[in-house]
């Protein structure tokens, strides 16, 4: 005899049946070696979406707006790309051409970055949009400190016009869906950000933006400080740069442990750079002589306070995510590991 009222799929996913006391010992436990914040409910919603496409809220971004904005409409001859994407690709090609054709020596590093970024965007690599925004944020962070020398030493185009225009073009919910939320177009390239929620992905992106800009400032600080005749230039800015690159790569690959590394790195940078930033600001506003400890980085004095602000902003942005991640690790650990010796 069968039950007249079998449990529904929603009942089987109820919190009571998923409580630790009723969990089967044969079920797979979280991998504590590479913890992340992929929510269990995320897997349930994806399973429901495969059964019923209408259940996926991202199945049609413009479900309630049959006519999307002009820039977000697909261009028939562009292989499913929107007008906004074509404008961004045209801008990337223009940057590459300008680096090659305009007067002056060609910066091979910049040219390589422009080419790779344009190709990644054309292939719709899932992190390409975020990388482009991060590059613009980094450009602003490197240019705005020059305002302290006066507008006559600032380039208005690189100071704000080009980076801000690019950010405005890239800051589109339609592009976020196409690049970071939808499945990858290529079998060989998995979208490692798709399992995360929108809020978690936003935290990852903003942490990469600010930490990447911090890494760029640390590189400039080292270069400028090495030109000043001092006996000692500290090594911690270079170590922090390497740590930021590694942690950002982990986040691009979907490993949330990279956010913990960014948090630790930025907190350390904030602690180490604060005495230098305070000393140069006192010198700038009062004319007081620089103390001995601040002269090592004094050649890059205008970058020290922005670097401190970026380090603090990255740490503040990542703190809620890190706390939830550590909470999941502690909750998932065996009772004996959480409370050695017992209560």
C-alpha atoms as a PDB file:
ATOM      1  CA  UNK A   1       0.000   0.000   0.000  1.00  0.00           C
ATOM      2  CA  UNK A   2       1.314   3.440  -0.906  1.00  0.00           C
ATOM      3  CA  UNK A   3       0.925   6.632   0.992  1.00  0.00           C
ATOM      4  CA  UNK A   4      -1.979   8.717  -0.278  1.00  0.00           C
ATOM      5  CA  UNK A   5      -0.075  11.935   0.413  1.00  0.00           C
ATOM      6  CA  UNK A   6       3.602  11.387  -0.449  1.00  0.00           C
ATOM      7  CA  UNK A   7       5.961  14.153   0.640  1.00  0.00           C
ATOM      8  CA  UNK A   8       6.698  16.840  -1.915  1.00  0.00           C
ATOM      9  CA  UNK A   9      10.149  17.951  -3.076  1.00  0.00           C
ATOM     10  CA  UNK A  10       9.843  21.065  -0.910  1.00  0.00           C
ATOM     11  CA  UNK A  11       9.149  18.877   2.170  1.00  0.00           C
ATOM     12  CA  UNK A  12      12.208  16.763   1.472  1.00  0.00           C
ATOM     13  CA  UNK A  13      14.320  19.939   1.468  1.00  0.00           C
ATOM     14  CA  UNK A  14      12.857  21.299   4.696  1.00  0.00           C
ATOM     15  CA  UNK A  15      15.315  22.422   7.405  1.00  0.00           C
ATOM     16  CA  UNK A  16      14.134  19.628   9.726  1.00  0.00           C
ATOM     17  CA  UNK A  17      15.261  16.884   7.358  1.00  0.00           C
ATOM     18  CA  UNK A  18      18.563  18.642   6.751  1.00  0.00           C
ATOM     19  CA  UNK A  19      19.436  19.168  10.416  1.00  0.00           C
ATOM     20  CA  UNK A  20      22.738  17.720  11.646  1.00  0.00           C
ATOM     21  CA  UNK A  21      20.989  15.203  13.884  1.00  0.00           C
ATOM     22  CA  UNK A  22      19.102  13.543  11.026  1.00  0.00           C
ATOM     23  CA  UNK A  23      21.831  13.750   8.407  1.00  0.00           C
ATOM     24  CA  UNK A  24      22.903  10.377   7.091  1.00  0.00           C
ATOM     25  CA  UNK A  25      26.532   9.475   7.889  1.00  0.00           C
ATOM     26  CA  UNK A  26      26.987   8.422   4.274  1.00  0.00           C
ATOM     27  CA  UNK A  27      26.335  11.911   2.944  1.00  0.00           C
ATOM     28  CA  UNK A  28      29.320  13.882   1.706  1.00  0.00           C
ATOM     29  CA  UNK A  29      30.679  16.318   4.260  1.00  0.00           C
ATOM     30  CA  UNK A  30      32.049  19.756   3.355  1.00  0.00           C
ATOM     31  CA  UNK A  31      35.591  19.835   2.083  1.00  0.00           C
ATOM     32  CA  UNK A  32      37.438  21.742   4.804  1.00  0.00           C
ATOM     33  CA  UNK A  33      40.635  21.810   2.802  1.00  0.00           C
ATOM     34  CA  UNK A  34      39.138  24.261   0.321  1.00  0.00           C
ATOM     35  CA  UNK A  35      36.118  25.845   2.073  1.00  0.00           C
ATOM     36  CA  UNK A  36      33.755  28.107   0.216  1.00  0.00           C
ATOM     37  CA  UNK A  37      30.389  29.726   0.657  1.00  0.00           C
ATOM     38  CA  UNK A  38      28.449  27.951  -2.070  1.00  0.00           C
ATOM     39  CA  UNK A  39      25.040  27.917  -0.457  1.00  0.00           C
ATOM     40  CA  UNK A  40      23.148  24.606  -0.369  1.00  0.00           C
ATOM     41  CA  UNK A  41      20.011  26.397  -1.481  1.00  0.00           C
ATOM     42  CA  UNK A  42      21.857  27.416  -4.629  1.00  0.00           C
ATOM     43  CA  UNK A  43      22.073  23.790  -5.770  1.00  0.00           C
ATOM     44  CA  UNK A  44      18.390  23.275  -5.039  1.00  0.00           C
ATOM     45  CA  UNK A  45      17.394  26.304  -7.118  1.00  0.00           C
ATOM     46  CA  UNK A  46      19.535  25.149 -10.035  1.00  0.00           C
ATOM     47  CA  UNK A  47      17.946  21.691  -9.917  1.00  0.00           C
ATOM     48  CA  UNK A  48      14.500  23.250  -9.958  1.00  0.00           C
ATOM     49  CA  UNK A  49      15.503  25.476 -12.870  1.00  0.00           C
ATOM     50  CA  UNK A  50      16.495  22.470 -14.951  1.00  0.00           C
ATOM     51  CA  UNK A  51      13.130  20.851 -14.237  1.00  0.00           C
ATOM     52  CA  UNK A  52      11.163  24.023 -14.908  1.00  0.00           C
ATOM     53  CA  UNK A  53      12.950  26.880 -16.727  1.00  0.00           C
ATOM     54  CA  UNK A  54      10.339  29.327 -15.538  1.00  0.00           C
ATOM     55  CA  UNK A  55      11.562  28.814 -11.954  1.00  0.00           C
ATOM     56  CA  UNK A  56      14.917  30.415 -12.756  1.00  0.00           C
ATOM     57  CA  UNK A  57      14.654  34.184 -12.088  1.00  0.00           C
ATOM     58  CA  UNK A  58      17.620  34.711 -14.417  1.00  0.00           C
ATOM     59  CA  UNK A  59      16.069  32.793 -17.319  1.00  0.00           C
ATOM     60  CA  UNK A  60      14.872  36.059 -18.824  1.00  0.00           C
ATOM     61  CA  UNK A  61      16.319  39.258 -17.468  1.00  0.00           C
ATOM     62  CA  UNK A  62      13.717  41.309 -19.279  1.00  0.00           C
ATOM     63  CA  UNK A  63      10.696  39.117 -18.511  1.00  0.00           C
ATOM     64  CA  UNK A  64       8.784  42.177 -17.273  1.00  0.00           C
ATOM     65  CA  UNK A  65      10.338  44.501 -19.855  1.00  0.00           C
ATOM     66  CA  UNK A  66       9.906  43.101 -23.376  1.00  0.00           C
ATOM     67  CA  UNK A  67      11.966  45.949 -24.837  1.00  0.00           C
ATOM     68  CA  UNK A  68      15.351  46.136 -23.062  1.00  0.00           C
ATOM     69  CA  UNK A  69      17.422  49.316 -23.265  1.00  0.00           C
ATOM     70  CA  UNK A  70      18.897  50.047 -26.652  1.00  0.00           C
ATOM     71  CA  UNK A  71      22.464  49.238 -25.602  1.00  0.00           C
ATOM     72  CA  UNK A  72      21.389  45.865 -24.191  1.00  0.00           C
ATOM     73  CA  UNK A  73      19.591  44.631 -27.286  1.00  0.00           C
ATOM     74  CA  UNK A  74      21.237  41.861 -29.272  1.00  0.00           C
ATOM     75  CA  UNK A  75      22.698  42.806 -32.638  1.00  0.00           C
ATOM     76  CA  UNK A  76      21.560  40.303 -35.265  1.00  0.00           C
ATOM     77  CA  UNK A  77      24.885  39.991 -37.080  1.00  0.00           C
ATOM     78  CA  UNK A  78      27.082  39.993 -33.943  1.00  0.00           C
ATOM     79  CA  UNK A  79      26.612  36.399 -32.777  1.00  0.00           C
ATOM     80  CA  UNK A  80      24.321  37.116 -29.844  1.00  0.00           C
ATOM     81  CA  UNK A  81      26.274  40.128 -28.593  1.00  0.00           C
ATOM     82  CA  UNK A  82      24.630  43.339 -27.491  1.00  0.00           C
ATOM     83  CA  UNK A  83      25.360  46.822 -28.754  1.00  0.00           C
ATOM     84  CA  UNK A  84      27.036  47.564 -25.413  1.00  0.00           C
ATOM     85  CA  UNK A  85      29.463  44.669 -25.921  1.00  0.00           C
ATOM     86  CA  UNK A  86      30.320  45.887 -29.408  1.00  0.00           C
ATOM     87  CA  UNK A  87      31.069  49.375 -28.086  1.00  0.00           C
ATOM     88  CA  UNK A  88      33.380  47.947 -25.433  1.00  0.00           C
ATOM     89  CA  UNK A  89      35.153  45.763 -27.995  1.00  0.00           C
ATOM     90  CA  UNK A  90      35.586  48.787 -30.252  1.00  0.00           C
ATOM     91  CA  UNK A  91      37.132  50.640 -27.322  1.00  0.00           C
ATOM     92  CA  UNK A  92      39.559  47.777 -26.712  1.00  0.00           C
ATOM     93  CA  UNK A  93      40.612  47.760 -30.372  1.00  0.00           C
ATOM     94  CA  UNK A  94      41.043  51.542 -30.230  1.00  0.00           C
ATOM     95  CA  UNK A  95      43.326  51.246 -27.179  1.00  0.00           C
ATOM     96  CA  UNK A  96      45.472  48.661 -28.950  1.00  0.00           C
ATOM     97  CA  UNK A  97      45.654  50.801 -32.100  1.00  0.00           C
ATOM     98  CA  UNK A  98      46.419  53.946 -30.139  1.00  0.00           C
ATOM     99  CA  UNK A  99      49.282  52.270 -28.290  1.00  0.00           C
ATOM    100  CA  UNK A 100      50.781  51.168 -31.609  1.00  0.00           C
ATOM    101  CA  UNK A 101      50.118  54.156 -33.855  1.00  0.00           C
ATOM    102  CA  UNK A 102      50.284  57.231 -31.644  1.00  0.00           C
ATOM    103  CA  UNK A 103      53.597  58.980 -31.213  1.00  0.00           C
ATOM    104  CA  UNK A 104      56.073  57.836 -28.607  1.00  0.00           C
ATOM    105  CA  UNK A 105      57.628  54.496 -27.689  1.00  0.00           C
ATOM    106  CA  UNK A 106      55.300  51.504 -27.498  1.00  0.00           C
ATOM    107  CA  UNK A 107      54.749  50.192 -23.986  1.00  0.00           C
ATOM    108  CA  UNK A 108      54.777  46.445 -24.601  1.00  0.00           C
ATOM    109  CA  UNK A 109      53.318  45.697 -21.178  1.00  0.00           C
ATOM    110  CA  UNK A 110      50.329  47.950 -21.715  1.00  0.00           C
ATOM    111  CA  UNK A 111      49.861  46.670 -25.261  1.00  0.00           C
ATOM    112  CA  UNK A 112      49.845  43.050 -24.081  1.00  0.00           C
ATOM    113  CA  UNK A 113      47.273  43.864 -21.386  1.00  0.00           C
ATOM    114  CA  UNK A 114      45.026  45.654 -23.904  1.00  0.00           C
ATOM    115  CA  UNK A 115      45.208  42.747 -26.378  1.00  0.00           C
ATOM    116  CA  UNK A 116      44.512  40.058 -23.776  1.00  0.00           C
ATOM    117  CA  UNK A 117      41.653  42.040 -22.224  1.00  0.00           C
ATOM    118  CA  UNK A 118      40.020  42.619 -25.614  1.00  0.00           C
ATOM    119  CA  UNK A 119      40.326  38.945 -26.585  1.00  0.00           C
ATOM    120  CA  UNK A 120      38.940  37.797 -23.219  1.00  0.00           C
ATOM    121  CA  UNK A 121      35.968  40.134 -23.571  1.00  0.00           C
ATOM    122  CA  UNK A 122      35.346  38.984 -27.138  1.00  0.00           C
ATOM    123  CA  UNK A 123      35.362  35.351 -25.965  1.00  0.00           C
ATOM    124  CA  UNK A 124      33.011  36.353 -23.104  1.00  0.00           C
ATOM    125  CA  UNK A 125      35.287  34.918 -20.429  1.00  0.00           C
ATOM    126  CA  UNK A 126      33.277  35.125 -17.227  1.00  0.00           C
ATOM    127  CA  UNK A 127      35.708  37.377 -15.322  1.00  0.00           C
ATOM    128  CA  UNK A 128      36.549  39.672 -18.287  1.00  0.00           C
ATOM    129  CA  UNK A 129      33.994  42.358 -17.396  1.00  0.00           C
ATOM    130  CA  UNK A 130      35.118  42.454 -13.754  1.00  0.00           C
ATOM    131  CA  UNK A 131      38.769  42.602 -14.836  1.00  0.00           C
ATOM    132  CA  UNK A 132      38.028  45.565 -17.089  1.00  0.00           C
ATOM    133  CA  UNK A 133      36.268  47.426 -14.268  1.00  0.00           C
ATOM    134  CA  UNK A 134      39.170  46.617 -11.956  1.00  0.00           C
ATOM    135  CA  UNK A 135      41.642  48.052 -14.472  1.00  0.00           C
ATOM    136  CA  UNK A 136      39.634  51.287 -14.617  1.00  0.00           C
ATOM    137  CA  UNK A 137      39.477  51.515 -10.819  1.00  0.00           C
ATOM    138  CA  UNK A 138      43.231  50.962 -10.685  1.00  0.00           C
ATOM    139  CA  UNK A 139      43.791  53.735 -13.242  1.00  0.00           C
ATOM    140  CA  UNK A 140      41.750  56.152 -11.129  1.00  0.00           C
ATOM    141  CA  UNK A 141      43.645  55.169  -7.974  1.00  0.00           C
ATOM    142  CA  UNK A 142      46.970  55.856  -9.683  1.00  0.00           C
ATOM    143  CA  UNK A 143      45.938  59.155 -11.295  1.00  0.00           C
ATOM    144  CA  UNK A 144      43.890  60.938  -8.645  1.00  0.00           C
ATOM    145  CA  UNK A 145      46.765  61.311  -6.117  1.00  0.00           C
ATOM    146  CA  UNK A 146      48.509  63.554  -8.677  1.00  0.00           C
ATOM    147  CA  UNK A 147      45.828  66.173  -8.011  1.00  0.00           C
ATOM    148  CA  UNK A 148      47.793  67.069  -4.889  1.00  0.00           C
ATOM    149  CA  UNK A 149      50.446  68.546  -7.181  1.00  0.00           C
ATOM    150  CA  UNK A 150      47.845  70.700  -8.953  1.00  0.00           C
ATOM    151  CA  UNK A 151      45.707  70.394 -12.052  1.00  0.00           C
ATOM    152  CA  UNK A 152      48.544  71.559 -14.300  1.00  0.00           C
ATOM    153  CA  UNK A 153      50.303  68.215 -13.742  1.00  0.00           C
ATOM    154  CA  UNK A 154      47.206  66.096 -14.341  1.00  0.00           C
ATOM    155  CA  UNK A 155      45.956  64.572 -17.590  1.00  0.00           C
ATOM    156  CA  UNK A 156      42.191  65.124 -17.627  1.00  0.00           C
ATOM    157  CA  UNK A 157      41.596  62.178 -19.985  1.00  0.00           C
ATOM    158  CA  UNK A 158      43.402  59.551 -17.932  1.00  0.00           C
ATOM    159  CA  UNK A 159      42.462  61.355 -14.721  1.00  0.00           C
ATOM    160  CA  UNK A 160      38.783  60.718 -15.101  1.00  0.00           C
ATOM    161  CA  UNK A 161      37.141  60.930 -18.501  1.00  0.00           C
ATOM    162  CA  UNK A 162      38.226  57.627 -20.016  1.00  0.00           C
ATOM    163  CA  UNK A 163      38.139  55.436 -16.851  1.00  0.00           C
ATOM    164  CA  UNK A 164      34.798  56.822 -15.653  1.00  0.00           C
ATOM    165  CA  UNK A 165      33.220  56.487 -19.101  1.00  0.00           C
ATOM    166  CA  UNK A 166      34.421  52.891 -19.327  1.00  0.00           C
ATOM    167  CA  UNK A 167      33.072  52.068 -15.853  1.00  0.00           C
ATOM    168  CA  UNK A 168      29.697  53.586 -16.758  1.00  0.00           C
ATOM    169  CA  UNK A 169      29.575  51.409 -19.878  1.00  0.00           C
ATOM    170  CA  UNK A 170      30.675  48.245 -18.041  1.00  0.00           C
ATOM    171  CA  UNK A 171      28.375  48.739 -15.029  1.00  0.00           C
ATOM    172  CA  UNK A 172      25.389  46.966 -16.564  1.00  0.00           C
ATOM    173  CA  UNK A 173      23.168  44.296 -15.039  1.00  0.00           C
ATOM    174  CA  UNK A 174      22.792  42.843 -18.514  1.00  0.00           C
ATOM    175  CA  UNK A 175      26.570  42.379 -18.800  1.00  0.00           C
ATOM    176  CA  UNK A 176      26.677  40.883 -15.313  1.00  0.00           C
ATOM    177  CA  UNK A 177      24.118  38.294 -16.398  1.00  0.00           C
ATOM    178  CA  UNK A 178      25.840  37.523 -19.699  1.00  0.00           C
ATOM    179  CA  UNK A 179      29.334  37.196 -18.232  1.00  0.00           C
ATOM    180  CA  UNK A 180      29.091  36.208 -14.568  1.00  0.00           C
ATOM    181  CA  UNK A 181      25.702  34.548 -14.060  1.00  0.00           C
ATOM    182  CA  UNK A 182      25.040  32.600 -17.269  1.00  0.00           C
ATOM    183  CA  UNK A 183      26.781  29.350 -18.113  1.00  0.00           C
ATOM    184  CA  UNK A 184      30.005  29.628 -20.085  1.00  0.00           C
ATOM    185  CA  UNK A 185      29.863  29.491 -23.873  1.00  0.00           C
ATOM    186  CA  UNK A 186      32.917  27.252 -23.953  1.00  0.00           C
ATOM    187  CA  UNK A 187      33.160  23.680 -22.702  1.00  0.00           C
ATOM    188  CA  UNK A 188      36.822  24.179 -21.794  1.00  0.00           C
ATOM    189  CA  UNK A 189      36.082  27.185 -19.588  1.00  0.00           C
ATOM    190  CA  UNK A 190      33.861  26.741 -16.524  1.00  0.00           C
ATOM    191  CA  UNK A 191      32.140  29.735 -14.959  1.00  0.00           C
ATOM    192  CA  UNK A 192      33.444  29.351 -11.416  1.00  0.00           C
ATOM    193  CA  UNK A 193      31.320  32.258 -10.156  1.00  0.00           C
ATOM    194  CA  UNK A 194      27.963  30.801 -11.191  1.00  0.00           C
ATOM    195  CA  UNK A 195      27.483  28.695  -7.988  1.00  0.00           C
ATOM    196  CA  UNK A 196      27.684  31.808  -5.809  1.00  0.00           C
ATOM    197  CA  UNK A 197      24.772  34.075  -5.016  1.00  0.00           C
ATOM    198  CA  UNK A 198      24.547  37.563  -6.499  1.00  0.00           C
ATOM    199  CA  UNK A 199      25.545  39.111  -3.176  1.00  0.00           C
ATOM    200  CA  UNK A 200      28.564  36.854  -2.770  1.00  0.00           C
ATOM    201  CA  UNK A 201      29.729  37.502  -6.331  1.00  0.00           C
ATOM    202  CA  UNK A 202      29.378  41.239  -5.764  1.00  0.00           C
ATOM    203  CA  UNK A 203      31.584  40.978  -2.652  1.00  0.00           C
ATOM    204  CA  UNK A 204      34.201  39.037  -4.619  1.00  0.00           C
ATOM    205  CA  UNK A 205      34.195  41.623  -7.407  1.00  0.00           C
ATOM    206  CA  UNK A 206      34.528  44.652  -5.136  1.00  0.00           C
ATOM    207  CA  UNK A 207      37.286  43.006  -3.132  1.00  0.00           C
ATOM    208  CA  UNK A 208      39.201  42.308  -6.336  1.00  0.00           C
ATOM    209  CA  UNK A 209      38.649  45.906  -7.517  1.00  0.00           C
ATOM    210  CA  UNK A 210      40.050  47.519  -4.384  1.00  0.00           C
ATOM    211  CA  UNK A 211      42.787  44.962  -3.751  1.00  0.00           C
ATOM    212  CA  UNK A 212      43.921  45.140  -7.377  1.00  0.00           C
ATOM    213  CA  UNK A 213      44.130  48.929  -7.180  1.00  0.00           C
ATOM    214  CA  UNK A 214      46.099  48.549  -3.945  1.00  0.00           C
ATOM    215  CA  UNK A 215      48.535  46.195  -5.678  1.00  0.00           C
ATOM    216  CA  UNK A 216      49.074  48.754  -8.440  1.00  0.00           C
ATOM    217  CA  UNK A 217      49.797  51.502  -5.890  1.00  0.00           C
ATOM    218  CA  UNK A 218      52.246  49.272  -4.023  1.00  0.00           C
ATOM    219  CA  UNK A 219      54.109  48.699  -7.283  1.00  0.00           C
ATOM    220  CA  UNK A 220      54.332  52.458  -7.880  1.00  0.00           C
ATOM    221  CA  UNK A 221      55.424  53.010  -4.272  1.00  0.00           C
ATOM    222  CA  UNK A 222      58.297  50.578  -4.717  1.00  0.00           C
ATOM    223  CA  UNK A 223      59.385  52.090  -8.028  1.00  0.00           C
ATOM    224  CA  UNK A 224      59.377  55.679  -6.763  1.00  0.00           C
ATOM    225  CA  UNK A 225      60.982  54.826  -3.437  1.00  0.00           C
ATOM    226  CA  UNK A 226      63.827  52.952  -5.125  1.00  0.00           C
ATOM    227  CA  UNK A 227      64.757  56.144  -7.000  1.00  0.00           C
ATOM    228  CA  UNK A 228      65.342  58.050  -3.778  1.00  0.00           C
ATOM    229  CA  UNK A 229      68.744  57.727  -2.179  1.00  0.00           C
ATOM    230  CA  UNK A 230      67.861  55.831   0.986  1.00  0.00           C
ATOM    231  CA  UNK A 231      69.674  53.052   2.762  1.00  0.00           C
ATOM    232  CA  UNK A 232      66.740  50.693   3.018  1.00  0.00           C
ATOM    233  CA  UNK A 233      63.467  50.087   1.150  1.00  0.00           C
ATOM    234  CA  UNK A 234      61.177  47.634   2.971  1.00  0.00           C
ATOM    235  CA  UNK A 235      60.282  44.377   1.237  1.00  0.00           C
ATOM    236  CA  UNK A 236      56.738  44.075   2.539  1.00  0.00           C
ATOM    237  CA  UNK A 237      55.116  46.032  -0.354  1.00  0.00           C
ATOM    238  CA  UNK A 238      56.428  43.471  -2.853  1.00  0.00           C
ATOM    239  CA  UNK A 239      55.368  40.550  -0.650  1.00  0.00           C
ATOM    240  CA  UNK A 240      51.891  42.092  -0.345  1.00  0.00           C
ATOM    241  CA  UNK A 241      51.704  42.510  -4.140  1.00  0.00           C
ATOM    242  CA  UNK A 242      52.480  38.825  -4.670  1.00  0.00           C
ATOM    243  CA  UNK A 243      49.922  37.800  -2.042  1.00  0.00           C
ATOM    244  CA  UNK A 244      47.248  39.982  -3.679  1.00  0.00           C
ATOM    245  CA  UNK A 245      47.898  38.388  -7.089  1.00  0.00           C
ATOM    246  CA  UNK A 246      47.671  34.858  -5.650  1.00  0.00           C
ATOM    247  CA  UNK A 247      44.495  35.573  -3.680  1.00  0.00           C
ATOM    248  CA  UNK A 248      42.843  37.294  -6.642  1.00  0.00           C
ATOM    249  CA  UNK A 249      43.664  34.261  -8.819  1.00  0.00           C
ATOM    250  CA  UNK A 250      42.032  31.987  -6.239  1.00  0.00           C
ATOM    251  CA  UNK A 251      38.903  34.143  -6.270  1.00  0.00           C
ATOM    252  CA  UNK A 252      38.771  34.075 -10.063  1.00  0.00           C
ATOM    253  CA  UNK A 253      38.855  30.268  -9.812  1.00  0.00           C
ATOM    254  CA  UNK A 254      35.935  30.361  -7.369  1.00  0.00           C
ATOM    255  CA  UNK A 255      37.904  29.548  -4.221  1.00  0.00           C
ATOM    256  CA  UNK A 256      36.533  31.650  -1.404  1.00  0.00           C
ATOM    257  CA  UNK A 257      39.616  30.993   0.693  1.00  0.00           C
ATOM    258  CA  UNK A 258      41.251  33.660  -1.477  1.00  0.00           C
ATOM    259  CA  UNK A 259      39.054  36.259   0.211  1.00  0.00           C
ATOM    260  CA  UNK A 260      40.465  35.265   3.591  1.00  0.00           C
ATOM    261  CA  UNK A 261      43.952  35.759   2.156  1.00  0.00           C
ATOM    262  CA  UNK A 262      43.007  39.186   0.807  1.00  0.00           C
ATOM    263  CA  UNK A 263      41.597  40.188   4.181  1.00  0.00           C
ATOM    264  CA  UNK A 264      44.752  39.132   6.032  1.00  0.00           C
ATOM    265  CA  UNK A 265      47.005  40.813   3.460  1.00  0.00           C
ATOM    266  CA  UNK A 266      45.122  44.112   3.493  1.00  0.00           C
ATOM    267  CA  UNK A 267      44.929  44.256   7.273  1.00  0.00           C
ATOM    268  CA  UNK A 268      48.694  43.702   7.412  1.00  0.00           C
ATOM    269  CA  UNK A 269      49.316  46.398   4.789  1.00  0.00           C
ATOM    270  CA  UNK A 270      47.105  48.835   6.704  1.00  0.00           C
ATOM    271  CA  UNK A 271      49.060  48.245   9.914  1.00  0.00           C
ATOM    272  CA  UNK A 272      52.456  48.595   8.212  1.00  0.00           C
ATOM    273  CA  UNK A 273      51.670  51.637   6.064  1.00  0.00           C
ATOM    274  CA  UNK A 274      49.806  53.702   8.676  1.00  0.00           C
ATOM    275  CA  UNK A 275      52.955  55.178  10.328  1.00  0.00           C
ATOM    276  CA  UNK A 276      54.283  56.229   6.910  1.00  0.00           C
ATOM    277  CA  UNK A 277      50.982  57.773   5.818  1.00  0.00           C
ATOM    278  CA  UNK A 278      50.547  59.694   9.082  1.00  0.00           C
ATOM    279  CA  UNK A 279      54.101  61.060   8.892  1.00  0.00           C
ATOM    280  CA  UNK A 280      53.834  62.275   5.276  1.00  0.00           C
ATOM    281  CA  UNK A 281      50.440  63.883   5.886  1.00  0.00           C
ATOM    282  CA  UNK A 282      51.863  65.766   8.859  1.00  0.00           C
ATOM    283  CA  UNK A 283      54.772  66.867   6.663  1.00  0.00           C
ATOM    284  CA  UNK A 284      52.415  67.952   3.857  1.00  0.00           C
ATOM    285  CA  UNK A 285      50.086  70.026   6.022  1.00  0.00           C
ATOM    286  CA  UNK A 286      52.492  71.403   8.664  1.00  0.00           C
ATOM    287  CA  UNK A 287      55.908  71.213   7.049  1.00  0.00           C
ATOM    288  CA  UNK A 288      57.274  69.095   9.878  1.00  0.00           C
ATOM    289  CA  UNK A 289      60.378  67.091   8.896  1.00  0.00           C
ATOM    290  CA  UNK A 290      59.887  63.454   7.997  1.00  0.00           C
ATOM    291  CA  UNK A 291      60.948  61.036  10.700  1.00  0.00           C
ATOM    292  CA  UNK A 292      63.594  58.476   9.883  1.00  0.00           C
ATOM    293  CA  UNK A 293      61.143  55.564   9.515  1.00  0.00           C
ATOM    294  CA  UNK A 294      59.053  57.440   6.909  1.00  0.00           C
ATOM    295  CA  UNK A 295      61.913  58.376   4.589  1.00  0.00           C
ATOM    296  CA  UNK A 296      62.124  54.874   3.093  1.00  0.00           C
ATOM    297  CA  UNK A 297      58.801  55.393   1.278  1.00  0.00           C
ATOM    298  CA  UNK A 298      58.925  59.192   1.188  1.00  0.00           C
ATOM    299  CA  UNK A 299      59.557  59.274  -2.554  1.00  0.00           C
ATOM    300  CA  UNK A 300      55.996  57.991  -3.078  1.00  0.00           C
ATOM    301  CA  UNK A 301      54.400  60.103  -0.376  1.00  0.00           C
ATOM    302  CA  UNK A 302      51.328  60.994  -2.453  1.00  0.00           C
ATOM    303  CA  UNK A 303      50.436  57.271  -2.839  1.00  0.00           C
ATOM    304  CA  UNK A 304      50.671  56.285   0.840  1.00  0.00           C
ATOM    305  CA  UNK A 305      47.324  57.602   2.095  1.00  0.00           C
ATOM    306  CA  UNK A 306      45.377  56.252  -0.934  1.00  0.00           C
ATOM    307  CA  UNK A 307      47.029  52.863  -0.388  1.00  0.00           C
ATOM    308  CA  UNK A 308      45.975  52.938   3.266  1.00  0.00           C
ATOM    309  CA  UNK A 309      42.383  53.784   2.294  1.00  0.00           C
ATOM    310  CA  UNK A 310      42.269  50.970  -0.286  1.00  0.00           C
ATOM    311  CA  UNK A 311      43.642  48.454   2.221  1.00  0.00           C
ATOM    312  CA  UNK A 312      41.012  49.441   4.791  1.00  0.00           C
ATOM    313  CA  UNK A 313      38.225  49.406   2.186  1.00  0.00           C
ATOM    314  CA  UNK A 314      39.193  45.908   1.018  1.00  0.00           C
ATOM    315  CA  UNK A 315      39.299  44.598   4.585  1.00  0.00           C
ATOM    316  CA  UNK A 316      35.910  46.167   5.410  1.00  0.00           C
ATOM    317  CA  UNK A 317      34.344  44.782   2.222  1.00  0.00           C
ATOM    318  CA  UNK A 318      35.627  41.267   2.851  1.00  0.00           C
ATOM    319  CA  UNK A 319      34.920  41.096   6.606  1.00  0.00           C
ATOM    320  CA  UNK A 320      31.259  39.887   6.485  1.00  0.00           C
ATOM    321  CA  UNK A 321      32.105  37.256   3.856  1.00  0.00           C
ATOM    322  CA  UNK A 322      35.124  36.045   5.855  1.00  0.00           C
ATOM    323  CA  UNK A 323      33.121  35.821   9.074  1.00  0.00           C
ATOM    324  CA  UNK A 324      30.412  33.741   7.395  1.00  0.00           C
ATOM    325  CA  UNK A 325      33.029  31.509   5.812  1.00  0.00           C
ATOM    326  CA  UNK A 326      34.785  30.886   9.109  1.00  0.00           C
ATOM    327  CA  UNK A 327      31.409  30.277  10.737  1.00  0.00           C
ATOM    328  CA  UNK A 328      30.592  27.587   8.176  1.00  0.00           C
ATOM    329  CA  UNK A 329      33.966  25.937   8.745  1.00  0.00           C
ATOM    330  CA  UNK A 330      33.442  25.868  12.512  1.00  0.00           C
ATOM    331  CA  UNK A 331      29.868  24.594  12.226  1.00  0.00           C
ATOM    332  CA  UNK A 332      30.911  21.906   9.751  1.00  0.00           C
ATOM    333  CA  UNK A 333      33.803  20.702  11.906  1.00  0.00           C
ATOM    334  CA  UNK A 334      33.272  17.741  14.264  1.00  0.00           C
ATOM    335  CA  UNK A 335      32.253  18.604  17.795  1.00  0.00           C
ATOM    336  CA  UNK A 336      35.524  17.344  19.172  1.00  0.00           C
ATOM    337  CA  UNK A 337      37.502  19.660  16.888  1.00  0.00           C
ATOM    338  CA  UNK A 338      35.398  22.717  17.788  1.00  0.00           C
ATOM    339  CA  UNK A 339      35.727  22.199  21.528  1.00  0.00           C
ATOM    340  CA  UNK A 340      38.913  20.289  22.420  1.00  0.00           C
ATOM    341  CA  UNK A 341      38.597  18.621  25.819  1.00  0.00           C
ATOM    342  CA  UNK A 342      34.817  18.921  25.890  1.00  0.00           C
ATOM    343  CA  UNK A 343      32.582  21.357  27.718  1.00  0.00           C
END
